[in-house]
PDB file of all heavy atoms in Angstrom:
ATOM      1  N   ARG A   1      18.308  34.568 -29.761  1.00  0.00           N
ATOM      2  CA  ARG A   1      17.525  35.699 -30.256  1.00  0.00           C
ATOM      3  C   ARG A   1      17.933  36.923 -29.449  1.00  0.00           C
ATOM      4  O   ARG A   1      18.731  36.869 -28.560  1.00  0.00           O
ATOM      5  CB  ARG A   1      16.019  35.436 -30.107  1.00  0.00           C
ATOM      6  CG  ARG A   1      15.535  34.178 -30.832  1.00  0.00           C
ATOM      7  CD  ARG A   1      15.658  34.272 -32.344  1.00  0.00           C
ATOM      8  NE  ARG A   1      15.096  33.096 -32.997  1.00  0.00           N
ATOM      9  CZ  ARG A   1      15.795  32.036 -33.335  1.00  0.00           C
ATOM     10  NH1 ARG A   1      17.096  31.971 -33.060  1.00  0.00           N
ATOM     11  NH2 ARG A   1      15.231  31.008 -33.947  1.00  0.00           N
ATOM     12  N   VAL A   2      17.352  38.083 -29.783  1.00  0.00           N
ATOM     13  CA  VAL A   2      17.707  39.301 -29.052  1.00  0.00           C
ATOM     14  C   VAL A   2      16.836  39.392 -27.790  1.00  0.00           C
ATOM     15  O   VAL A   2      15.908  40.169 -27.708  1.00  0.00           O
ATOM     16  CB  VAL A   2      17.546  40.535 -29.938  1.00  0.00           C
ATOM     17  CG1 VAL A   2      18.027  41.788 -29.209  1.00  0.00           C
ATOM     18  CG2 VAL A   2      18.348  40.373 -31.205  1.00  0.00           C
ATOM     19  N   GLY A   3      17.109  38.540 -26.853  1.00  0.00           N
ATOM     20  CA  GLY A   3      16.496  38.532 -25.536  1.00  0.00           C
ATOM     21  C   GLY A   3      17.541  38.165 -24.530  1.00  0.00           C
ATOM     22  O   GLY A   3      18.646  38.694 -24.534  1.00  0.00           O
ATOM     23  N   TRP A   4      17.225  37.205 -23.639  1.00  0.00           N
ATOM     24  CA  TRP A   4      18.223  36.777 -22.660  1.00  0.00           C
ATOM     25  C   TRP A   4      17.975  35.331 -22.263  1.00  0.00           C
ATOM     26  O   TRP A   4      16.892  34.789 -22.465  1.00  0.00           O
ATOM     27  CB  TRP A   4      18.186  37.667 -21.418  1.00  0.00           C
ATOM     28  CG  TRP A   4      16.890  37.571 -20.640  1.00  0.00           C
ATOM     29  CD1 TRP A   4      15.755  38.313 -20.834  1.00  0.00           C
ATOM     30  CD2 TRP A   4      16.573  36.653 -19.569  1.00  0.00           C
ATOM     31  NE1 TRP A   4      14.758  37.925 -19.974  1.00  0.00           N
ATOM     32  CE2 TRP A   4      15.238  36.916 -19.179  1.00  0.00           C
ATOM     33  CE3 TRP A   4      17.280  35.649 -18.929  1.00  0.00           C
ATOM     34  CZ2 TRP A   4      14.622  36.201 -18.149  1.00  0.00           C
ATOM     35  CZ3 TRP A   4      16.674  34.947 -17.902  1.00  0.00           C
ATOM     36  CH2 TRP A   4      15.361  35.228 -17.513  1.00  0.00           C
ATOM     37  N   GLY A   5      18.983  34.712 -21.696  1.00  0.00           N
ATOM     38  CA  GLY A   5      18.895  33.337 -21.191  1.00  0.00           C
ATOM     39  C   GLY A   5      20.198  32.922 -20.544  1.00  0.00           C
ATOM     40  O   GLY A   5      21.250  33.449 -20.887  1.00  0.00           O
ATOM     41  N   ILE A   6      20.120  32.007 -19.583  1.00  0.00           N
ATOM     42  CA  ILE A   6      21.328  31.439 -18.965  1.00  0.00           C
ATOM     43  C   ILE A   6      21.796  30.288 -19.843  1.00  0.00           C
ATOM     44  O   ILE A   6      21.048  29.377 -20.167  1.00  0.00           O
ATOM     45  CB  ILE A   6      21.045  30.958 -17.539  1.00  0.00           C
ATOM     46  CG1 ILE A   6      20.527  32.105 -16.681  1.00  0.00           C
ATOM     47  CG2 ILE A   6      22.305  30.376 -16.915  1.00  0.00           C
ATOM     48  CD1 ILE A   6      21.484  33.264 -16.553  1.00  0.00           C
ATOM     49  N   ILE A   7      23.062  30.330 -20.241  1.00  0.00           N
ATOM     50  CA  ILE A   7      23.588  29.388 -21.228  1.00  0.00           C
ATOM     51  C   ILE A   7      23.745  27.990 -20.637  1.00  0.00           C
ATOM     52  O   ILE A   7      24.178  27.836 -19.487  1.00  0.00           O
ATOM     53  CB  ILE A   7      24.932  29.905 -21.771  1.00  0.00           C
ATOM     54  CG1 ILE A   7      24.720  31.231 -22.499  1.00  0.00           C
ATOM     55  CG2 ILE A   7      25.581  28.910 -22.718  1.00  0.00           C
ATOM     56  CD1 ILE A   7      25.978  31.905 -22.984  1.00  0.00           C
ATOM     57  N   GLY A   8      23.401  26.984 -21.434  1.00  0.00           N
ATOM     58  CA  GLY A   8      23.546  25.612 -21.013  1.00  0.00           C
ATOM     59  C   GLY A   8      24.971  25.090 -21.139  1.00  0.00           C
ATOM     60  O   GLY A   8      25.897  25.822 -21.481  1.00  0.00           O
ATOM     61  N   ASP A   9      25.160  23.805 -20.875  1.00  0.00           N
ATOM     62  CA  ASP A   9      26.490  23.196 -20.818  1.00  0.00           C
ATOM     63  C   ASP A   9      26.553  22.035 -21.808  1.00  0.00           C
ATOM     64  O   ASP A   9      25.666  21.184 -21.855  1.00  0.00           O
ATOM     65  CB  ASP A   9      26.763  22.699 -19.397  1.00  0.00           C
ATOM     66  CG  ASP A   9      27.993  21.817 -19.309  1.00  0.00           C
ATOM     67  OD1 ASP A   9      28.960  22.076 -20.062  1.00  0.00           O
ATOM     68  OD2 ASP A   9      27.977  20.873 -18.514  1.00  0.00           O
ATOM     69  N   ASN A  10      27.643  21.990 -22.640  1.00  0.00           N
ATOM     70  CA  ASN A  10      27.823  20.840 -23.519  1.00  0.00           C
ATOM     71  C   ASN A  10      29.312  20.629 -23.739  1.00  0.00           C
ATOM     72  O   ASN A  10      30.145  21.460 -23.371  1.00  0.00           O
ATOM     73  CB  ASN A  10      27.102  21.042 -24.847  1.00  0.00           C
ATOM     74  CG  ASN A  10      27.773  22.102 -25.732  1.00  0.00           C
ATOM     75  OD1 ASN A  10      28.875  21.898 -26.252  1.00  0.00           O
ATOM     76  ND2 ASN A  10      27.108  23.234 -25.907  1.00  0.00           N
ATOM     77  N   SER A  11      29.657  19.495 -24.331  1.00  0.00           N
ATOM     78  CA  SER A  11      31.057  19.173 -24.602  1.00  0.00           C
ATOM     79  C   SER A  11      31.432  19.401 -26.058  1.00  0.00           C
ATOM     80  O   SER A  11      32.592  19.340 -26.419  1.00  0.00           O
ATOM     81  CB  SER A  11      31.337  17.709 -24.234  1.00  0.00           C
ATOM     82  OG  SER A  11      30.604  16.865 -25.101  1.00  0.00           O
ATOM     83  N   CYS A  12      30.405  19.628 -26.889  1.00  0.00           N
ATOM     84  CA  CYS A  12      30.601  19.838 -28.344  1.00  0.00           C
ATOM     85  C   CYS A  12      31.205  18.628 -29.035  1.00  0.00           C
ATOM     86  O   CYS A  12      31.790  18.742 -30.082  1.00  0.00           O
ATOM     87  CB  CYS A  12      31.453  21.077 -28.604  1.00  0.00           C
ATOM     88  SG  CYS A  12      31.211  21.754 -30.267  1.00  0.00           S
ATOM     89  N   ALA A  13      31.042  17.454 -28.470  1.00  0.00           N
ATOM     90  CA  ALA A  13      31.560  16.238 -29.110  1.00  0.00           C
ATOM     91  C   ALA A  13      30.586  15.829 -30.219  1.00  0.00           C
ATOM     92  O   ALA A  13      29.441  15.459 -29.937  1.00  0.00           O
ATOM     93  CB  ALA A  13      31.712  15.126 -28.087  1.00  0.00           C
ATOM     94  N   GLY A  14      31.015  15.914 -31.458  1.00  0.00           N
ATOM     95  CA  GLY A  14      30.131  15.607 -32.596  1.00  0.00           C
ATOM     96  C   GLY A  14      28.971  16.554 -32.704  1.00  0.00           C
ATOM     97  O   GLY A  14      27.877  16.151 -33.079  1.00  0.00           O
ATOM     98  N   CYS A  15      29.218  17.843 -32.368  1.00  0.00           N
ATOM     99  CA  CYS A  15      28.106  18.776 -32.182  1.00  0.00           C
ATOM    100  C   CYS A  15      27.402  19.161 -33.482  1.00  0.00           C
ATOM    101  O   CYS A  15      26.360  19.777 -33.454  1.00  0.00           O
ATOM    102  CB  CYS A  15      28.569  20.030 -31.450  1.00  0.00           C
ATOM    103  SG  CYS A  15      29.981  20.842 -32.202  1.00  0.00           S
ATOM    104  N   LYS A  16      27.969  18.862 -34.659  1.00  0.00           N
ATOM    105  CA  LYS A  16      27.270  19.173 -35.888  1.00  0.00           C
ATOM    106  C   LYS A  16      26.180  18.152 -36.232  1.00  0.00           C
ATOM    107  O   LYS A  16      25.258  18.463 -36.953  1.00  0.00           O
ATOM    108  CB  LYS A  16      28.263  19.251 -37.060  1.00  0.00           C
ATOM    109  CG  LYS A  16      29.040  20.558 -37.128  1.00  0.00           C
ATOM    110  CD  LYS A  16      28.116  21.742 -37.378  1.00  0.00           C
ATOM    111  CE  LYS A  16      27.526  21.711 -38.769  1.00  0.00           C
ATOM    112  NZ  LYS A  16      26.680  22.892 -39.047  1.00  0.00           N
ATOM    113  N   THR A  17      26.292  16.961 -35.707  1.00  0.00           N
ATOM    114  CA  THR A  17      25.331  15.931 -36.079  1.00  0.00           C
ATOM    115  C   THR A  17      24.609  15.315 -34.883  1.00  0.00           C
ATOM    116  O   THR A  17      23.697  14.520 -35.062  1.00  0.00           O
ATOM    117  CB  THR A  17      26.068  14.787 -36.817  1.00  0.00           C
ATOM    118  OG1 THR A  17      27.097  14.258 -35.985  1.00  0.00           O
ATOM    119  CG2 THR A  17      26.670  15.319 -38.113  1.00  0.00           C
ATOM    120  N   SER A  18      24.998  15.642 -33.664  1.00  0.00           N
ATOM    121  CA  SER A  18      24.349  15.068 -32.500  1.00  0.00           C
ATOM    122  C   SER A  18      24.229  16.116 -31.400  1.00  0.00           C
ATOM    123  O   SER A  18      24.860  17.169 -31.446  1.00  0.00           O
ATOM    124  CB  SER A  18      25.177  13.876 -31.970  1.00  0.00           C
ATOM    125  OG  SER A  18      26.456  14.311 -31.554  1.00  0.00           O
ATOM    126  N   VAL A  19      23.363  15.833 -30.421  1.00  0.00           N
ATOM    127  CA  VAL A  19      23.159  16.751 -29.299  1.00  0.00           C
ATOM    128  C   VAL A  19      24.379  16.695 -28.385  1.00  0.00           C
ATOM    129  O   VAL A  19      24.747  15.625 -27.896  1.00  0.00           O
ATOM    130  CB  VAL A  19      21.901  16.384 -28.498  1.00  0.00           C
ATOM    131  CG1 VAL A  19      21.725  17.321 -27.337  1.00  0.00           C
ATOM    132  CG2 VAL A  19      20.689  16.413 -29.421  1.00  0.00           C
ATOM    133  N   PRO A  20      25.043  17.836 -28.132  1.00  0.00           N
ATOM    134  CA  PRO A  20      26.222  17.827 -27.256  1.00  0.00           C
ATOM    135  C   PRO A  20      25.854  17.367 -25.841  1.00  0.00           C
ATOM    136  O   PRO A  20      24.797  17.678 -25.336  1.00  0.00           O
ATOM    137  CB  PRO A  20      26.652  19.287 -27.268  1.00  0.00           C
ATOM    138  CG  PRO A  20      26.066  19.860 -28.513  1.00  0.00           C
ATOM    139  CD  PRO A  20      24.771  19.143 -28.693  1.00  0.00           C
ATOM    140  N   ALA A  21      26.746  16.639 -25.241  1.00  0.00           N
ATOM    141  CA  ALA A  21      26.544  16.156 -23.875  1.00  0.00           C
ATOM    142  C   ALA A  21      27.197  17.096 -22.878  1.00  0.00           C
ATOM    143  O   ALA A  21      28.241  17.677 -23.167  1.00  0.00           O
ATOM    144  CB  ALA A  21      27.124  14.737 -23.726  1.00  0.00           C
ATOM    145  N   PRO A  22      26.627  17.273 -21.686  1.00  0.00           N
ATOM    146  CA  PRO A  22      27.261  18.123 -20.674  1.00  0.00           C
ATOM    147  C   PRO A  22      28.639  17.600 -20.280  1.00  0.00           C
ATOM    148  O   PRO A  22      28.857  16.400 -20.194  1.00  0.00           O
ATOM    149  CB  PRO A  22      26.277  18.045 -19.491  1.00  0.00           C
ATOM    150  CG  PRO A  22      24.984  17.627 -20.082  1.00  0.00           C
ATOM    151  CD  PRO A  22      25.336  16.733 -21.228  1.00  0.00           C
ATOM    152  N   ASP A  23      29.582  18.548 -20.041  1.00  0.00           N
ATOM    153  CA  ASP A  23      30.913  18.159 -19.595  1.00  0.00           C
ATOM    154  C   ASP A  23      31.338  18.904 -18.332  1.00  0.00           C
ATOM    155  O   ASP A  23      32.504  18.884 -17.966  1.00  0.00           O
ATOM    156  CB  ASP A  23      31.951  18.384 -20.694  1.00  0.00           C
ATOM    157  CG  ASP A  23      32.045  19.850 -21.109  1.00  0.00           C
ATOM    158  OD1 ASP A  23      31.241  20.665 -20.589  1.00  0.00           O
ATOM    159  OD2 ASP A  23      32.913  20.192 -21.916  1.00  0.00           O
ATOM    160  N   ASN A  24      30.357  19.597 -17.688  1.00  0.00           N
ATOM    161  CA  ASN A  24      30.597  20.334 -16.445  1.00  0.00           C
ATOM    162  C   ASN A  24      31.691  21.381 -16.626  1.00  0.00           C
ATOM    163  O   ASN A  24      32.504  21.619 -15.738  1.00  0.00           O
ATOM    164  CB  ASN A  24      30.967  19.393 -15.296  1.00  0.00           C
ATOM    165  CG  ASN A  24      30.814  20.068 -13.936  1.00  0.00           C
ATOM    166  OD1 ASN A  24      29.903  20.835 -13.723  1.00  0.00           O
ATOM    167  ND2 ASN A  24      31.724  19.767 -13.007  1.00  0.00           N
ATOM    168  N   LEU A  25      31.694  22.029 -17.782  1.00  0.00           N
ATOM    169  CA  LEU A  25      32.672  23.070 -18.057  1.00  0.00           C
ATOM    170  C   LEU A  25      32.056  24.091 -19.012  1.00  0.00           C
ATOM    171  O   LEU A  25      31.450  23.737 -20.025  1.00  0.00           O
ATOM    172  CB  LEU A  25      33.928  22.477 -18.719  1.00  0.00           C
ATOM    173  CG  LEU A  25      35.021  23.451 -19.135  1.00  0.00           C
ATOM    174  CD1 LEU A  25      35.702  24.056 -17.903  1.00  0.00           C
ATOM    175  CD2 LEU A  25      36.043  22.762 -20.025  1.00  0.00           C
ATOM    176  N   TYR A  26      32.162  25.376 -18.668  1.00  0.00           N
ATOM    177  CA  TYR A  26      31.701  26.417 -19.543  1.00  0.00           C
ATOM    178  C   TYR A  26      32.850  26.865 -20.445  1.00  0.00           C
ATOM    179  O   TYR A  26      33.920  27.235 -19.969  1.00  0.00           O
ATOM    180  CB  TYR A  26      31.215  27.637 -18.746  1.00  0.00           C
ATOM    181  CG  TYR A  26      29.809  27.528 -18.258  1.00  0.00           C
ATOM    182  CD1 TYR A  26      29.493  27.789 -16.936  1.00  0.00           C
ATOM    183  CD2 TYR A  26      28.775  27.229 -19.119  1.00  0.00           C
ATOM    184  CE1 TYR A  26      28.205  27.718 -16.475  1.00  0.00           C
ATOM    185  CE2 TYR A  26      27.470  27.135 -18.679  1.00  0.00           C
ATOM    186  CZ  TYR A  26      27.184  27.396 -17.344  1.00  0.00           C
ATOM    187  OH  TYR A  26      25.902  27.315 -16.892  1.00  0.00           O
ATOM    188  N   THR A  27      32.624  26.796 -21.771  1.00  0.00           N
ATOM    189  CA  THR A  27      33.593  27.332 -22.732  1.00  0.00           C
ATOM    190  C   THR A  27      32.833  28.159 -23.754  1.00  0.00           C
ATOM    191  O   THR A  27      31.599  28.170 -23.765  1.00  0.00           O
ATOM    192  CB  THR A  27      34.350  26.203 -23.458  1.00  0.00           C
ATOM    193  OG1 THR A  27      33.444  25.556 -24.366  1.00  0.00           O
ATOM    194  CG2 THR A  27      34.914  25.182 -22.495  1.00  0.00           C
ATOM    195  N   TYR A  28      33.571  28.838 -24.646  1.00  0.00           N
ATOM    196  CA  TYR A  28      32.941  29.638 -25.677  1.00  0.00           C
ATOM    197  C   TYR A  28      32.201  28.791 -26.701  1.00  0.00           C
ATOM    198  O   TYR A  28      31.466  29.296 -27.531  1.00  0.00           O
ATOM    199  CB  TYR A  28      33.961  30.523 -26.356  1.00  0.00           C
ATOM    200  CG  TYR A  28      34.372  31.697 -25.504  1.00  0.00           C
ATOM    201  CD1 TYR A  28      35.647  31.797 -24.965  1.00  0.00           C
ATOM    202  CD2 TYR A  28      33.467  32.711 -25.224  1.00  0.00           C
ATOM    203  CE1 TYR A  28      36.011  32.857 -24.162  1.00  0.00           C
ATOM    204  CE2 TYR A  28      33.829  33.790 -24.427  1.00  0.00           C
ATOM    205  CZ  TYR A  28      35.109  33.869 -23.908  1.00  0.00           C
ATOM    206  OH  TYR A  28      35.450  34.924 -23.115  1.00  0.00           O
ATOM    207  N   GLU A  29      32.425  27.459 -26.681  1.00  0.00           N
ATOM    208  CA  GLU A  29      31.715  26.598 -27.602  1.00  0.00           C
ATOM    209  C   GLU A  29      30.307  26.249 -27.114  1.00  0.00           C
ATOM    210  O   GLU A  29      29.510  25.707 -27.855  1.00  0.00           O
ATOM    211  CB  GLU A  29      32.523  25.314 -27.837  1.00  0.00           C
ATOM    212  CG  GLU A  29      33.828  25.555 -28.581  1.00  0.00           C
ATOM    213  CD  GLU A  29      34.590  24.255 -28.794  1.00  0.00           C
ATOM    214  OE1 GLU A  29      34.378  23.317 -28.003  1.00  0.00           O
ATOM    215  OE2 GLU A  29      35.414  24.193 -29.725  1.00  0.00           O
ATOM    216  N   ASP A  30      30.040  26.542 -25.832  1.00  0.00           N
ATOM    217  CA  ASP A  30      28.740  26.175 -25.277  1.00  0.00           C
ATOM    218  C   ASP A  30      27.600  26.965 -25.922  1.00  0.00           C
ATOM    219  O   ASP A  30      26.522  26.424 -26.148  1.00  0.00           O
ATOM    220  CB  ASP A  30      28.719  26.399 -23.764  1.00  0.00           C
ATOM    221  CG  ASP A  30      29.425  25.294 -22.997  1.00  0.00           C
ATOM    222  OD1 ASP A  30      29.275  24.137 -23.394  1.00  0.00           O
ATOM    223  OD2 ASP A  30      30.143  25.607 -22.036  1.00  0.00           O
ATOM    224  N   TRP A  31      27.801  28.248 -26.155  1.00  0.00           N
ATOM    225  CA  TRP A  31      26.652  29.063 -26.562  1.00  0.00           C
ATOM    226  C   TRP A  31      26.292  28.970 -28.016  1.00  0.00           C
ATOM    227  O   TRP A  31      25.114  29.097 -28.369  1.00  0.00           O
ATOM    228  CB  TRP A  31      26.857  30.515 -26.124  1.00  0.00           C
ATOM    229  CG  TRP A  31      27.964  31.249 -26.805  1.00  0.00           C
ATOM    230  CD1 TRP A  31      29.279  31.180 -26.509  1.00  0.00           C
ATOM    231  CD2 TRP A  31      27.869  32.184 -27.852  1.00  0.00           C
ATOM    232  NE1 TRP A  31      30.012  32.011 -27.302  1.00  0.00           N
ATOM    233  CE2 TRP A  31      29.164  32.647 -28.143  1.00  0.00           C
ATOM    234  CE3 TRP A  31      26.801  32.700 -28.594  1.00  0.00           C
ATOM    235  CZ2 TRP A  31      29.433  33.581 -29.137  1.00  0.00           C
ATOM    236  CZ3 TRP A  31      27.058  33.620 -29.578  1.00  0.00           C
ATOM    237  CH2 TRP A  31      28.360  34.078 -29.846  1.00  0.00           C
ATOM    238  N   PRO A  32      27.192  28.740 -29.001  1.00  0.00           N
ATOM    239  CA  PRO A  32      26.695  28.663 -30.379  1.00  0.00           C
ATOM    240  C   PRO A  32      26.432  27.241 -30.859  1.00  0.00           C
ATOM    241  O   PRO A  32      26.031  27.066 -31.994  1.00  0.00           O
ATOM    242  CB  PRO A  32      27.850  29.289 -31.173  1.00  0.00           C
ATOM    243  CG  PRO A  32      29.074  28.901 -30.432  1.00  0.00           C
ATOM    244  CD  PRO A  32      28.695  28.802 -28.998  1.00  0.00           C
ATOM    245  N   GLN A  33      26.655  26.219 -30.009  1.00  0.00           N
ATOM    246  CA  GLN A  33      26.637  24.846 -30.506  1.00  0.00           C
ATOM    247  C   GLN A  33      25.390  24.069 -30.121  1.00  0.00           C
ATOM    248  O   GLN A  33      25.326  22.875 -30.337  1.00  0.00           O
ATOM    249  CB  GLN A  33      27.883  24.105 -30.043  1.00  0.00           C
ATOM    250  CG  GLN A  33      29.178  24.624 -30.650  1.00  0.00           C
ATOM    251  CD  GLN A  33      29.218  24.451 -32.149  1.00  0.00           C
ATOM    252  OE1 GLN A  33      28.464  23.689 -32.742  1.00  0.00           O
ATOM    253  NE2 GLN A  33      30.097  25.191 -32.811  1.00  0.00           N
ATOM    254  N   GLY A  34      24.392  24.745 -29.519  1.00  0.00           N
ATOM    255  CA  GLY A  34      23.167  24.014 -29.198  1.00  0.00           C
ATOM    256  C   GLY A  34      21.966  24.509 -29.949  1.00  0.00           C
ATOM    257  O   GLY A  34      21.305  23.748 -30.670  1.00  0.00           O
TER     258      GLY A  34
END
């Protein structure tokens, strides 16, 4: 939303149908895939 927040971490593995798991890496896929 138009506010703020610290972005979480995921691996985007199967991210359209399941909750992404953390992979200890920040990428541009982290912020729109959760």
